[in-house]
């Protein structure tokens, strides 16, 4: 292939040198032309001394490798690769043994006893014990830690978690105790049918207390300040790194199942650059933007994978007077053509979202109908209806113009989409001015955490297999709300699914249906689309599983296809 500019040629040349050094390949040919030497191809595939190596891109830096503080997709992917919890998701998205060999539940569903394996070790040789889980879970709900996910995942689930996270009880009162080194006893607030899948999630991973405390503020800021107990260990990574590696962890209890010696990752934000690297044989998987989908959709390596991430706009009712107005919020959520957005702007298989629970995620308990179909469409594109709400809102505000800042990530796909949205808003809602604020993802997450935004394009992927993972986002005291939305009726509907109705799944789902209706009657958020990933994936890549919830990629069973 021919590269488009000398600057890009230099970048690819440098990356070929670096990655060939990692894999043992020949770095002398950096022209980007296909290498027809069979022995060189074999060396690149196998790496030095027969090493198995796969090379990937990542769209952003890793925001954090601290399991108590992680909130984003990338962080959870690499935590899942380097750390193991009680259970792990397998190829069929079923829980498979991790540090726990098995567990027993009490008749009332409130006490879970996990029997841990005695052959699991940390990277430094320490055994992985029940005490490591107790420490990690206590740390996650300790208000001094400042965890967002700890309270979000554990409040109302683990006994006393909510009281602890509010500072009303000491962390030692958390319903997780080590009966002995290899027996973890967990007490729940209410029966929680999805608790087993919760244990596969990063927030519930163990931590080696001695190591974490010894590192202090330096914990998890570099590979040297991390301790793995999972399939891989992190290498050549610091918090600001644009590249890193996952190396096989020989101390992992199930190391025989880990086929790969090394996985390399390089941050590449420009989609065309990523594709050029792919076509040069430098990387083995890349995401495609809409213009590239048109070019590569007939390529043998093209793969479109449905996702369960739902993208939406958060409307902060505190930082902009106009967004405190329900009619303004409803106008905004109806003022953009979603079909054109997914078909022309995104063009990657994503599809319109008119609610918050994704399609093909969870069935209704009694009928097995898809929740999304039963709940229906709550917010449709309708310019006439949007303008009616808009005129009412402006009249109530006593103005004929409104200016709102829209916070977004700075990757190419998002930038293209939000420019489209800004144009739709200003065209369809006379008097509305949108100021785009495009920042790196890590900065956006920080601004979201401090509620320092007016409108924000964000997304949510499920953490476990239940509608609660989405619906709890918008309860008044949710650690993920950050937009001053509060409705007592909504709160009760959602919270009752985890308490009074915990053992009545059909009734729980009826509450979820009603809660979703209330959410959009209030114009709390503006749904955009349900994602799909359009990618080029090399036939060399084998058994990298894509999860519908939790960490997006599972690399434990990854392998190189030698055919």
Protein backbone atom coordinates (compact mmCIF):
# COMPACT_ATOMS: atom_id res chain seq x y z
CA UNK A 1 0.00 0.00 0.00
CA UNK A 2 1.02 3.64 -0.42
CA UNK A 3 1.07 5.93 2.62
CA UNK A 4 -0.53 9.33 2.33
CA UNK A 5 2.21 11.54 3.79
CA UNK A 6 5.83 11.41 4.85
CA UNK A 7 4.96 12.28 8.47
CA UNK A 8 2.78 9.21 8.73
CA UNK A 9 5.51 7.13 7.08
CA UNK A 10 7.91 8.18 9.80
CA UNK A 11 5.39 7.35 12.57
CA UNK A 12 4.75 3.90 11.14
CA UNK A 13 8.44 3.32 10.65
CA UNK A 14 9.14 4.10 14.29
CA UNK A 15 6.27 1.89 15.47
CA UNK A 16 7.52 -0.96 13.30
CA UNK A 17 10.93 -0.67 14.92
CA UNK A 18 9.42 -0.67 18.42
CA UNK A 19 6.96 -3.47 17.83
CA UNK A 20 9.45 -5.59 15.91
CA UNK A 21 11.81 -5.23 18.83
CA UNK A 22 9.04 -6.44 21.15
CA UNK A 23 8.06 -9.36 18.91
CA UNK A 24 11.46 -10.24 17.54
CA UNK A 25 10.44 -9.25 13.99
CA UNK A 26 12.76 -7.71 11.39
CA UNK A 27 12.65 -3.93 11.73
CA UNK A 28 14.78 -3.22 8.68
CA UNK A 29 11.82 -2.93 6.28
CA UNK A 30 9.67 0.03 7.35
CA UNK A 31 8.23 0.91 3.97
CA UNK A 32 4.77 -0.43 4.78
CA UNK A 33 4.92 -2.81 1.80
CA UNK A 34 3.74 -6.37 2.36
CA UNK A 35 6.56 -8.66 3.45
CA UNK A 36 6.53 -11.77 1.31
CA UNK A 37 9.29 -13.55 3.19
CA UNK A 38 7.58 -16.50 4.90
CA UNK A 39 10.24 -16.75 7.59
CA UNK A 40 9.84 -13.05 8.43
CA UNK A 41 6.07 -13.51 8.64
CA UNK A 42 6.52 -16.44 11.02
CA UNK A 43 8.96 -14.47 13.14
CA UNK A 44 6.54 -11.53 13.42
CA UNK A 45 3.73 -13.89 14.45
CA UNK A 46 5.72 -15.90 16.92
CA UNK A 47 8.09 -13.26 18.27
CA UNK A 48 11.54 -13.83 19.66
CA UNK A 49 12.32 -17.46 20.49
CA UNK A 50 8.84 -18.50 19.35
CA UNK A 51 7.00 -15.93 21.50
CA UNK A 52 3.31 -15.52 20.73
CA UNK A 53 2.50 -11.82 20.36
CA UNK A 54 -0.60 -9.89 19.27
CA UNK A 55 -0.56 -6.13 18.74
CA UNK A 56 -3.57 -3.87 19.29
CA UNK A 57 -4.48 -0.20 19.32
CA UNK A 58 -6.37 1.54 22.11
CA UNK A 59 -8.38 4.75 21.54
CA UNK A 60 -7.16 6.43 24.73
CA UNK A 61 -4.71 6.28 27.61
CA UNK A 62 -5.73 4.11 30.55
CA UNK A 63 -7.35 6.51 33.07
CA UNK A 64 -6.51 4.35 36.11
CA UNK A 65 -5.41 0.86 37.15
CA UNK A 66 -6.77 1.27 40.68
CA UNK A 67 -9.79 -1.06 40.88
CA UNK A 68 -11.38 1.12 43.57
CA UNK A 69 -11.25 4.21 41.36
CA UNK A 70 -11.88 2.79 37.88
CA UNK A 71 -15.06 3.91 36.12
CA UNK A 72 -14.37 3.51 32.39
CA UNK A 73 -14.13 0.84 29.71
CA UNK A 74 -10.36 0.88 29.17
CA UNK A 75 -9.53 0.68 32.87
CA UNK A 76 -11.82 -2.30 33.42
CA UNK A 77 -10.46 -4.14 30.36
CA UNK A 78 -6.87 -4.04 31.65
CA UNK A 79 -7.87 -4.68 35.24
CA UNK A 80 -9.66 -7.84 34.08
CA UNK A 81 -6.56 -8.93 32.18
CA UNK A 82 -4.22 -8.49 35.16
CA UNK A 83 -6.45 -9.19 38.15
CA UNK A 84 -8.86 -11.99 38.94
CA UNK A 85 -11.88 -11.88 41.17
CA UNK A 86 -14.01 -14.66 42.57
CA UNK A 87 -15.30 -15.59 39.12
CA UNK A 88 -14.49 -14.78 35.48
CA UNK A 89 -16.75 -14.67 32.41
CA UNK A 90 -16.11 -17.41 29.86
CA UNK A 91 -16.73 -17.49 26.09
CA UNK A 92 -20.47 -18.01 26.64
CA UNK A 93 -20.63 -15.15 29.18
CA UNK A 94 -21.12 -17.65 31.98
CA UNK A 95 -19.27 -17.41 35.28
CA UNK A 96 -16.26 -19.71 35.39
CA UNK A 97 -14.03 -20.38 38.42
CA UNK A 98 -11.60 -17.65 39.33
CA UNK A 99 -10.12 -17.32 42.80
CA UNK A 100 -13.31 -19.01 44.03
CA UNK A 101 -13.64 -22.70 43.24
CA UNK A 102 -17.34 -22.67 44.20
CA UNK A 103 -19.81 -21.15 46.65
CA UNK A 104 -22.92 -21.92 48.68
CA UNK A 105 -25.97 -19.73 49.24
CA UNK A 106 -28.17 -19.72 52.33
CA UNK A 107 -31.84 -20.63 51.91
CA UNK A 108 -32.87 -16.98 52.23
CA UNK A 109 -30.28 -15.87 49.66
CA UNK A 110 -28.67 -13.43 52.08
CA UNK A 111 -25.43 -15.27 52.89
CA UNK A 112 -22.96 -16.40 50.26
CA UNK A 113 -19.95 -18.48 51.27
CA UNK A 114 -17.12 -18.62 48.72
CA UNK A 115 -14.51 -21.38 48.89
CA UNK A 116 -11.24 -20.04 47.54
CA UNK A 117 -8.49 -22.04 45.86
CA UNK A 118 -5.25 -22.31 47.81
CA UNK A 119 -2.94 -22.22 44.78
CA UNK A 120 -3.60 -18.63 43.64
CA UNK A 121 -0.69 -16.22 44.11
CA UNK A 122 0.05 -12.58 43.66
CA UNK A 123 2.85 -11.55 41.34
CA UNK A 124 5.17 -11.16 44.37
CA UNK A 125 4.48 -14.73 45.57
CA UNK A 126 1.97 -13.86 48.31
CA UNK A 127 -1.08 -16.15 48.42
CA UNK A 128 -4.42 -14.64 47.36
CA UNK A 129 -6.70 -14.95 50.37
CA UNK A 130 -10.16 -14.02 51.58
CA UNK A 131 -8.56 -11.12 53.46
CA UNK A 132 -7.60 -9.57 50.10
CA UNK A 133 -11.26 -9.41 49.10
CA UNK A 134 -12.36 -8.01 52.44
CA UNK A 135 -9.72 -5.27 52.25
CA UNK A 136 -10.56 -4.37 48.64
CA UNK A 137 -14.31 -4.18 49.23
CA UNK A 138 -13.90 -2.16 52.42
CA UNK A 139 -11.57 0.22 50.59
CA UNK A 140 -14.10 0.65 47.76
CA UNK A 141 -16.89 1.82 50.09
CA UNK A 142 -14.68 3.80 52.47
CA UNK A 143 -15.64 7.47 51.90
CA UNK A 144 -11.97 8.42 52.35
CA UNK A 145 -11.13 6.50 49.17
CA UNK A 146 -13.47 8.59 47.04
CA UNK A 147 -14.59 5.65 44.94
CA UNK A 148 -17.50 6.24 42.60
CA UNK A 149 -18.10 2.59 41.75
CA UNK A 150 -17.71 1.20 45.27
CA UNK A 151 -20.92 2.75 46.57
CA UNK A 152 -22.62 2.40 43.19
CA UNK A 153 -21.97 -1.35 42.99
CA UNK A 154 -22.25 -2.27 46.66
CA UNK A 155 -24.84 0.04 48.25
CA UNK A 156 -28.07 -1.86 48.79
CA UNK A 157 -26.28 -5.10 47.91
CA UNK A 158 -23.56 -5.77 50.50
CA UNK A 159 -24.74 -5.45 54.09
CA UNK A 160 -23.97 -2.01 55.60
CA UNK A 161 -22.25 -0.74 52.44
CA UNK A 162 -24.51 2.29 52.14
CA UNK A 163 -24.13 3.30 55.79
CA UNK A 164 -20.35 2.95 55.49
CA UNK A 165 -20.16 4.96 52.26
CA UNK A 166 -22.09 7.76 53.98
CA UNK A 167 -19.74 7.73 56.96
CA UNK A 168 -22.36 6.37 59.38
CA UNK A 169 -20.60 3.07 60.12
CA UNK A 170 -16.97 1.90 60.16
CA UNK A 171 -15.64 -0.11 57.23
CA UNK A 172 -15.23 -3.13 59.51
CA UNK A 173 -19.04 -3.45 59.57
CA UNK A 174 -19.18 -4.32 55.87
CA UNK A 175 -20.87 -7.66 55.23
CA UNK A 176 -17.72 -9.34 53.95
CA UNK A 177 -15.57 -11.36 56.32
CA UNK A 178 -12.73 -13.84 56.08
CA UNK A 179 -13.81 -16.94 57.99
CA UNK A 180 -10.29 -18.19 57.33
CA UNK A 181 -7.68 -17.59 54.62
CA UNK A 182 -9.68 -19.45 51.99
CA UNK A 183 -13.30 -18.90 53.04
CA UNK A 184 -15.04 -15.60 52.23
CA UNK A 185 -18.47 -15.01 53.76
CA UNK A 186 -20.62 -12.29 52.21
CA UNK A 187 -23.83 -10.98 53.78
CA UNK A 188 -26.28 -9.20 51.49
CA UNK A 189 -28.84 -6.52 52.32
CA UNK A 190 -31.41 -8.26 50.14
CA UNK A 191 -31.46 -11.34 47.93
CA UNK A 192 -29.61 -10.32 44.76
CA UNK A 193 -30.17 -12.71 41.86
CA UNK A 194 -27.32 -11.24 39.80
CA UNK A 195 -24.72 -11.20 42.58
CA UNK A 196 -22.65 -14.01 41.07
CA UNK A 197 -22.12 -11.95 37.89
CA UNK A 198 -21.26 -8.93 40.04
CA UNK A 199 -18.23 -10.77 41.40
CA UNK A 200 -16.69 -10.81 37.91
CA UNK A 201 -16.56 -7.02 37.86
CA UNK A 202 -13.43 -4.97 38.53
CA UNK A 203 -14.69 -3.18 41.64
CA UNK A 204 -14.95 -6.56 43.36
CA UNK A 205 -11.39 -7.65 42.55
CA UNK A 206 -9.05 -8.37 45.50
CA UNK A 207 -6.17 -6.15 46.61
CA UNK A 208 -3.02 -7.11 48.48
CA UNK A 209 -3.26 -4.83 51.52
CA UNK A 210 0.43 -4.84 52.44
CA UNK A 211 1.43 -3.91 48.90
CA UNK A 212 -1.21 -1.20 48.43
CA UNK A 213 -0.44 0.43 51.77
CA UNK A 214 3.30 0.27 51.15
CA UNK A 215 2.88 2.07 47.81
CA UNK A 216 0.69 4.78 49.33
CA UNK A 217 -0.11 7.58 46.85
CA UNK A 218 2.08 5.86 44.26
CA UNK A 219 -0.18 2.80 44.09
CA UNK A 220 -1.33 2.01 40.54
CA UNK A 221 0.46 4.91 38.83
CA UNK A 222 2.88 2.62 36.96
CA UNK A 223 3.51 -1.05 36.23
CA UNK A 224 6.04 -1.13 39.08
CA UNK A 225 3.30 0.00 41.49
CA UNK A 226 0.87 -2.75 40.50
CA UNK A 227 0.49 -6.34 41.61
CA UNK A 228 -1.14 -8.91 39.31
CA UNK A 229 -2.89 -12.11 40.24
CA UNK A 230 -4.53 -12.69 36.85
CA UNK A 231 -3.55 -14.08 33.44
CA UNK A 232 -1.25 -11.18 32.58
CA UNK A 233 0.91 -8.58 34.29
CA UNK A 234 1.26 -5.00 33.14
CA UNK A 235 4.61 -3.92 31.69
CA UNK A 236 6.08 -0.65 30.41
CA UNK A 237 3.13 1.40 31.61
CA UNK A 238 2.80 4.67 33.50
CA UNK A 239 -0.36 6.70 34.02
CA UNK A 240 0.48 8.93 31.05
CA UNK A 241 1.73 6.17 28.76
CA UNK A 242 0.71 6.02 25.11
CA UNK A 243 1.76 2.38 24.92
CA UNK A 244 2.03 -0.62 27.23
CA UNK A 245 2.21 -4.39 27.26
CA UNK A 246 0.47 -7.30 28.90
CA UNK A 247 2.94 -10.10 29.61
CA UNK A 248 1.93 -13.61 30.57
CA UNK A 249 1.87 -14.00 34.35
CA UNK A 250 3.67 -17.28 35.01
CA UNK A 251 2.52 -17.15 38.65
CA UNK A 252 -1.16 -17.22 37.66
CA UNK A 253 -2.88 -20.33 39.02
CA UNK A 254 -4.26 -21.19 35.56
CA UNK A 255 -1.18 -20.14 33.55
CA UNK A 256 -1.37 -23.30 31.43
CA UNK A 257 -4.55 -21.92 29.86
CA UNK A 258 -2.87 -18.65 28.84
CA UNK A 259 -1.52 -19.12 25.32
CA UNK A 260 -0.12 -15.66 24.65
CA UNK A 261 3.30 -14.51 25.80
CA UNK A 262 2.59 -10.86 25.19
CA UNK A 263 -0.08 -8.42 24.04
CA UNK A 264 1.04 -4.93 23.02
CA UNK A 265 -1.15 -1.81 22.95
CA UNK A 266 -0.58 1.57 21.32
CA UNK A 267 -2.82 4.63 21.73
CA UNK A 268 -3.89 5.71 18.23
CA UNK A 269 -6.62 8.34 18.11
CA UNK A 270 -6.63 8.98 14.37
CA UNK A 271 -8.66 6.23 12.61
CA UNK A 272 -6.81 6.54 9.29
CA UNK A 273 -3.46 6.19 11.03
CA UNK A 274 -4.79 3.06 12.77
CA UNK A 275 -5.92 1.56 9.46
CA UNK A 276 -2.57 2.29 7.84
CA UNK A 277 -0.88 0.49 10.71
CA UNK A 278 -3.25 -2.44 10.26
CA UNK A 279 -2.62 -2.68 6.53
CA UNK A 280 1.12 -2.50 7.22
CA UNK A 281 0.81 -5.54 9.48
CA UNK A 282 1.83 -3.56 12.57
CA UNK A 283 -1.41 -4.09 14.52
CA UNK A 284 -3.99 -6.88 14.52
CA UNK A 285 -7.25 -5.02 15.24
CA UNK A 286 -8.56 -1.50 14.63
CA UNK A 287 -11.87 0.33 14.99
CA UNK A 288 -13.36 1.95 11.88
CA UNK A 289 -15.12 5.28 11.55
CA UNK A 290 -18.00 5.85 9.12
CA UNK A 291 -15.89 6.89 6.12
CA UNK A 292 -13.64 3.88 6.62
CA UNK A 293 -16.58 1.49 6.90
CA UNK A 294 -17.59 2.40 3.35
CA UNK A 295 -14.06 1.60 2.23
CA UNK A 296 -13.57 -1.67 4.12
CA UNK A 297 -17.03 -3.23 4.60
CA UNK A 298 -16.30 -5.78 1.87
CA UNK A 299 -12.85 -6.60 3.25
CA UNK A 300 -12.46 -10.21 4.44
CA UNK A 301 -11.23 -8.91 7.82
CA UNK A 302 -14.23 -6.62 8.38
CA UNK A 303 -16.29 -7.45 11.48
CA UNK A 304 -19.31 -5.58 12.89
CA UNK A 305 -20.09 -6.54 16.48
CA UNK A 306 -23.32 -5.43 18.24
CA UNK A 307 -22.65 -3.78 21.57
CA UNK A 308 -24.66 -3.09 24.72
CA UNK A 309 -23.26 0.39 25.30
CA UNK A 310 -25.93 3.09 25.11
CA UNK A 311 -24.77 6.62 24.31
CA UNK A 312 -26.80 9.56 25.60
CA UNK A 313 -26.63 13.22 26.59
CA UNK A 314 -26.60 14.10 30.27
CA UNK A 315 -28.47 17.33 31.00
CA UNK A 316 -27.13 19.02 34.14
CA UNK A 317 -30.00 20.86 35.80
CA UNK A 318 -27.71 22.88 38.08
CA UNK A 319 -25.09 24.53 35.88
CA UNK A 320 -27.37 26.05 33.26
CA UNK A 321 -30.70 27.69 34.07
CA UNK A 322 -32.24 26.58 30.79
CA UNK A 323 -31.57 22.89 31.53
CA UNK A 324 -33.49 23.17 34.80
CA UNK A 325 -36.55 23.69 32.59
CA UNK A 326 -38.31 20.44 31.72
CA UNK A 327 -39.64 21.74 28.40
CA UNK A 328 -36.15 22.77 27.27
CA UNK A 329 -34.79 19.32 28.11
CA UNK A 330 -37.61 17.61 26.25
CA UNK A 331 -37.04 19.87 23.25
CA UNK A 332 -33.33 19.04 23.12
CA UNK A 333 -33.94 15.29 23.32
CA UNK A 334 -36.27 15.40 20.28
CA UNK A 335 -34.43 17.91 18.08
CA UNK A 336 -31.88 15.76 16.23
CA UNK A 337 -32.30 13.17 13.48
CA UNK A 338 -30.97 9.96 15.02
CA UNK A 339 -31.48 7.84 11.93
CA UNK A 340 -29.27 10.16 9.90
CA UNK A 341 -26.77 10.21 12.74
CA UNK A 342 -26.35 6.42 12.90
CA UNK A 343 -26.66 5.76 9.17
CA UNK A 344 -24.66 8.66 7.74
CA UNK A 345 -22.47 10.06 10.50
CA UNK A 346 -21.56 6.91 12.45
CA UNK A 347 -22.18 4.34 9.69
CA UNK A 348 -20.74 1.50 11.80
CA UNK A 349 -23.78 -0.66 12.53
CA UNK A 350 -24.91 1.36 15.55
CA UNK A 351 -28.64 1.94 15.81
CA UNK A 352 -31.01 4.51 17.27
CA UNK A 353 -31.71 4.50 21.01
CA UNK A 354 -35.09 5.74 22.18
CA UNK A 355 -34.66 4.52 25.75
CA UNK A 356 -31.83 3.69 28.15
CA UNK A 357 -32.00 -0.12 28.41
CA UNK A 358 -30.26 -1.63 25.34
CA UNK A 359 -31.90 -3.98 22.88
CA UNK A 360 -31.08 -7.70 23.10
CA UNK A 361 -29.73 -7.30 26.62
CA UNK A 362 -32.26 -8.85 28.97
CA UNK A 363 -35.60 -10.64 28.45
CA UNK A 364 -38.77 -10.19 30.47
CA UNK A 365 -38.90 -12.97 33.11
CA UNK A 366 -42.34 -14.33 32.20
CA UNK A 367 -42.50 -13.99 28.43
CA UNK A 368 -38.83 -13.91 27.32
CA UNK A 369 -39.70 -10.86 25.20
CA UNK A 370 -36.86 -8.37 24.89
CA UNK A 371 -37.16 -5.63 27.52
CA UNK A 372 -36.52 -2.95 24.89
CA UNK A 373 -39.40 -4.12 22.71
CA UNK A 374 -41.81 -4.26 25.65
CA UNK A 375 -40.80 -0.84 26.95
CA UNK A 376 -40.99 0.71 23.50
CA UNK A 377 -39.78 4.07 22.21
CA UNK A 378 -39.80 6.92 24.72
CA UNK A 379 -38.02 9.73 22.85
CA UNK A 380 -38.37 9.99 19.06
CA UNK A 381 -36.96 12.57 16.65
CA UNK A 382 -39.79 15.02 16.05
CA UNK A 383 -38.94 18.60 15.05
CA UNK A 384 -42.50 19.92 15.42
CA UNK A 385 -42.85 18.47 18.91
CA UNK A 386 -39.34 19.66 19.83
CA UNK A 387 -40.16 23.21 18.75
CA UNK A 388 -43.40 23.21 20.74
CA UNK A 389 -41.49 22.25 23.89
CA UNK A 390 -38.79 24.79 22.99
CA UNK A 391 -41.20 27.69 22.64
CA UNK A 392 -42.85 26.80 25.96
CA UNK A 393 -39.46 26.59 27.63
CA UNK A 394 -38.24 29.94 26.27
CA UNK A 395 -41.48 31.58 27.35
CA UNK A 396 -41.11 30.18 30.88
CA UNK A 397 -37.50 31.39 30.98
CA UNK A 398 -38.45 34.81 29.65
CA UNK A 399 -35.87 34.78 26.85
CA UNK A 400 -35.54 34.17 23.14
CA UNK A 401 -32.05 32.67 23.17
CA UNK A 402 -30.09 30.08 25.12
CA UNK A 403 -26.39 29.20 25.13
CA UNK A 404 -25.30 25.75 26.34
CA UNK A 405 -21.89 24.10 26.53
CA UNK A 406 -21.67 20.49 25.32
CA UNK A 407 -18.84 18.46 26.85
CA UNK A 408 -17.46 15.59 24.74
CA UNK A 409 -14.47 13.31 24.22
CA UNK A 410 -11.90 14.42 21.64
CA UNK A 411 -11.66 11.24 19.54
CA UNK A 412 -12.45 11.57 15.84
CA UNK A 413 -15.74 9.64 15.88
CA UNK A 414 -17.15 11.69 18.76
CA UNK A 415 -15.95 14.99 17.29
CA UNK A 416 -17.72 14.29 14.01
CA UNK A 417 -20.91 13.25 15.76
CA UNK A 418 -21.13 16.24 18.12
CA UNK A 419 -20.54 18.68 15.28
CA UNK A 420 -23.55 17.09 13.62
CA UNK A 421 -25.55 17.37 16.85
CA UNK A 422 -24.59 21.03 17.33
CA UNK A 423 -25.78 21.80 13.81
CA UNK A 424 -29.07 19.95 14.38
CA UNK A 425 -29.73 21.78 17.64
CA UNK A 426 -29.06 25.25 16.21
CA UNK A 427 -31.06 24.51 13.04
CA UNK A 428 -34.09 22.96 14.72
CA UNK A 429 -34.27 25.04 17.90
CA UNK A 430 -34.10 28.74 16.94
CA UNK A 431 -32.12 30.77 19.44
CA UNK A 432 -30.05 27.85 20.75
CA UNK A 433 -26.26 28.20 20.59
CA UNK A 434 -24.11 25.15 21.35
CA UNK A 435 -20.51 25.62 22.48
CA UNK A 436 -18.51 22.42 22.01
CA UNK A 437 -15.92 21.54 24.65
CA UNK A 438 -13.82 18.62 23.38
CA UNK A 439 -11.38 17.13 25.89
CA UNK A 440 -9.48 13.85 26.42
CA UNK A 441 -11.66 11.15 27.95
CA UNK A 442 -9.85 11.16 31.29
CA UNK A 443 -10.52 14.89 31.66
CA UNK A 444 -14.17 14.43 30.72
CA UNK A 445 -14.55 11.77 33.40
CA UNK A 446 -13.04 14.14 35.97
CA UNK A 447 -15.42 16.92 34.91
CA UNK A 448 -18.35 14.50 35.10
CA UNK A 449 -17.30 13.35 38.57
CA UNK A 450 -17.31 16.96 39.82
CA UNK A 451 -20.56 17.75 37.91
CA UNK A 452 -18.61 20.47 36.08
CA UNK A 453 -20.55 20.43 32.81
CA UNK A 454 -23.82 21.65 31.30
CA UNK A 455 -24.57 19.00 28.69
CA UNK A 456 -22.33 15.99 28.19
CA UNK A 457 -22.17 13.20 25.62
CA UNK A 458 -21.50 10.03 27.56
CA UNK A 459 -22.29 6.34 27.45
CA UNK A 460 -22.96 3.44 29.75
CA UNK A 461 -22.24 -0.23 29.33
CA UNK A 462 -23.80 -2.78 31.68
CA UNK A 463 -21.75 -4.02 34.62
CA UNK A 464 -23.96 -7.05 35.23
CA UNK A 465 -26.89 -8.80 33.58
CA UNK A 466 -29.86 -6.88 34.99
CA UNK A 467 -31.69 -3.59 34.13
CA UNK A 468 -30.66 -2.25 37.54
CA UNK A 469 -27.18 -1.57 36.13
CA UNK A 470 -28.73 1.19 33.99
CA UNK A 471 -31.68 2.33 36.07
CA UNK A 472 -29.68 2.96 39.23
CA UNK A 473 -27.59 5.56 37.36
CA UNK A 474 -30.29 8.19 37.79
CA UNK A 475 -31.50 7.71 41.36
CA UNK A 476 -31.04 10.83 43.47
CA UNK A 477 -28.09 9.57 45.50
CA UNK A 478 -26.41 7.55 42.75
CA UNK A 479 -22.67 8.11 42.51
CA UNK A 480 -23.13 8.40 38.73
CA UNK A 481 -25.98 10.93 38.62
CA UNK A 482 -23.97 14.19 38.71
CA UNK A 483 -26.71 16.16 36.94
CA UNK A 484 -29.07 17.05 39.80
CA UNK A 485 -31.90 14.88 38.52
CA UNK A 486 -34.18 13.79 41.34
CA UNK A 487 -37.64 12.25 41.31
CA UNK A 488 -38.95 10.43 44.44
CA UNK A 489 -41.25 8.26 42.32
CA UNK A 490 -38.33 7.14 40.15
CA UNK A 491 -36.16 6.50 43.22
CA UNK A 492 -38.79 4.30 44.83
CA UNK A 493 -39.49 2.30 41.68
CA UNK A 494 -35.80 1.51 41.23
CA UNK A 495 -34.88 0.93 44.87
CA UNK A 496 -37.84 -1.38 45.44
CA UNK A 497 -36.39 -3.73 42.81
CA UNK A 498 -33.43 -4.30 45.15
CA UNK A 499 -35.42 -4.54 48.38
CA UNK A 500 -39.15 -5.26 48.66
CA UNK A 501 -39.32 -6.93 45.25
CA UNK A 502 -35.88 -8.57 45.29
CA UNK A 503 -37.28 -12.10 45.12
CA UNK A 504 -40.13 -11.31 42.68
CA UNK A 505 -38.45 -10.92 39.30
CA UNK A 506 -41.63 -10.29 37.24
CA UNK A 507 -42.59 -7.48 39.63
CA UNK A 508 -39.06 -6.08 39.49
CA UNK A 509 -39.22 -5.82 35.72
CA UNK A 510 -42.60 -4.08 35.84
CA UNK A 511 -40.95 -1.49 38.09
CA UNK A 512 -38.10 -1.10 35.61
CA UNK A 513 -40.61 -0.51 32.80
CA UNK A 514 -42.41 2.16 34.79
CA UNK A 515 -39.15 3.77 35.94
CA UNK A 516 -37.87 4.12 32.38
CA UNK A 517 -41.14 5.80 31.44
CA UNK A 518 -40.80 8.29 34.31
CA UNK A 519 -37.18 9.05 33.39
CA UNK A 520 -38.17 10.25 29.93
CA UNK A 521 -41.37 11.94 31.02
CA UNK A 522 -39.02 14.13 33.06
CA UNK A 523 -36.70 14.68 30.10
CA UNK A 524 -33.80 13.66 32.34
CA UNK A 525 -31.49 12.54 29.51
CA UNK A 526 -31.44 12.52 25.71
CA UNK A 527 -30.74 9.03 24.31
CA UNK A 528 -28.56 8.89 21.19
CA UNK A 529 -27.72 5.40 19.97
CA UNK A 530 -26.78 1.85 20.90
CA UNK A 531 -23.26 1.16 19.74
CA UNK A 532 -21.87 -1.38 17.36
CA UNK A 533 -18.18 -1.86 16.68
CA UNK A 534 -17.01 -1.86 13.09
CA UNK A 535 -13.50 -3.29 13.02
CA UNK A 536 -10.78 -4.88 11.00
CA UNK A 537 -9.59 -7.97 12.87
CA UNK A 538 -6.69 -10.03 11.62
CA UNK A 539 -7.34 -13.76 11.12
CA UNK A 540 -4.31 -14.18 13.40
CA UNK A 541 -6.49 -13.15 16.37
CA UNK A 542 -8.21 -16.10 17.99
CA UNK A 543 -10.39 -16.49 21.11
CA UNK A 544 -10.46 -12.86 22.21
CA UNK A 545 -13.96 -12.83 23.68
CA UNK A 546 -16.25 -9.80 23.64
CA UNK A 547 -18.42 -9.52 26.75
CA UNK A 548 -21.93 -7.99 26.71
CA UNK A 549 -21.31 -6.60 30.20
CA UNK A 550 -18.32 -5.88 32.42
CA UNK A 551 -14.90 -5.71 30.74
CA UNK A 552 -15.41 -5.44 26.97
CA UNK A 553 -12.56 -7.78 26.02
CA UNK A 554 -11.51 -11.01 27.69
CA UNK A 555 -7.90 -11.84 26.83
CA UNK A 556 -7.31 -14.86 29.07
CA UNK A 557 -7.93 -17.39 26.28
CA UNK A 558 -6.46 -15.30 23.43
CA UNK A 559 -4.32 -17.17 20.92
CA UNK A 560 -2.59 -16.74 17.56
CA UNK A 561 -4.15 -18.58 14.65
CA UNK A 562 -1.18 -20.30 13.01
CA UNK A 563 -3.06 -21.35 9.85
